[in-house]
Amino acid sequence: MSAESSTITVRLVRSFEHRNFRPVVYHGVNLDQTVKQFMNFVQKDVPSRTGLPPPFKNYKYGT
């Protein structure tokens, strides 16, 4: 497989009822990685992202 990359938008949803969501854009995502690898990357990246309010950084997201 070739090492292709793409731009992916992840939508962080805290509450559907209150419409609390935040889109996070990832550029240069390797398309050869598995979904599980990408999910692990996102879960580690979100708490360290600047620009996200603390409730989004500290929330324990499900899959």
Protein backbone atom coordinates (compact mmCIF):
# COMPACT_ATOMS: atom_id res chain seq x y z
CA MET A 1 0.00 0.00 0.00
CA SER A 2 1.13 3.52 -0.63
CA ALA A 3 1.43 6.08 2.13
CA GLU A 4 -1.46 8.33 1.15
CA SER A 5 -2.67 11.10 3.40
CA SER A 6 -5.89 13.01 3.70
CA THR A 7 -7.71 15.64 5.74
CA ILE A 8 -10.26 14.28 8.21
CA THR A 9 -12.73 16.18 10.38
CA VAL A 10 -13.60 14.60 13.72
CA ARG A 11 -16.73 15.83 15.45
CA LEU A 12 -16.41 15.81 19.24
CA VAL A 13 -19.92 15.49 20.68
CA ARG A 14 -20.50 16.09 24.38
CA SER A 15 -24.28 16.40 24.30
CA PHE A 16 -26.77 15.89 21.49
CA GLU A 17 -29.52 17.38 23.63
CA HIS A 18 -27.66 20.64 24.21
CA ARG A 19 -25.90 20.57 20.83
CA ASN A 20 -22.44 20.68 22.39
CA PHE A 21 -20.07 19.66 19.64
CA ARG A 22 -16.76 20.84 18.27
CA PRO A 23 -15.21 19.90 14.92
CA VAL A 24 -11.48 19.12 14.99
CA VAL A 25 -9.60 18.96 11.69
CA TYR A 26 -6.62 16.65 11.18
CA HIS A 27 -4.42 17.27 8.15
CA GLY A 28 -2.07 14.70 6.65
CA VAL A 29 -3.75 11.66 8.18
CA ASN A 30 -2.15 8.43 7.00
CA LEU A 31 -4.82 6.36 5.25
CA ASP A 32 -2.87 3.15 5.79
CA GLN A 33 -3.50 3.15 9.54
CA THR A 34 -6.41 1.28 11.08
CA VAL A 35 -9.45 2.93 12.60
CA LYS A 36 -8.34 1.76 16.04
CA GLN A 37 -4.94 3.42 15.57
CA PHE A 38 -6.58 6.66 14.47
CA MET A 39 -9.01 6.59 17.42
CA ASN A 40 -6.10 6.10 19.84
CA PHE A 41 -4.29 9.02 18.21
CA VAL A 42 -7.35 11.28 18.55
CA GLN A 43 -7.94 10.28 22.18
CA LYS A 44 -4.34 11.18 23.03
CA ASP A 45 -4.38 14.38 20.96
CA VAL A 46 -7.62 15.98 22.18
CA PRO A 47 -6.49 16.75 25.77
CA SER A 48 -3.38 18.54 24.51
CA ARG A 49 -5.10 20.59 21.80
CA THR A 50 -5.08 24.34 22.21
CA GLY A 51 -8.26 26.07 21.19
CA LEU A 52 -10.57 23.49 22.71
CA PRO A 53 -12.44 24.55 25.85
CA PRO A 54 -11.60 22.52 28.99
CA PRO A 55 -14.93 20.63 29.01
CA PHE A 56 -14.03 19.10 25.64
CA LYS A 57 -10.48 18.30 26.73
CA ASN A 58 -11.49 16.61 29.99
CA TYR A 59 -14.57 14.71 28.79
CA LYS A 60 -14.21 10.91 28.55
CA TYR A 61 -15.49 10.18 25.05
CA GLY A 62 -17.01 6.84 24.13
CA THR A 63 -16.47 5.18 20.80
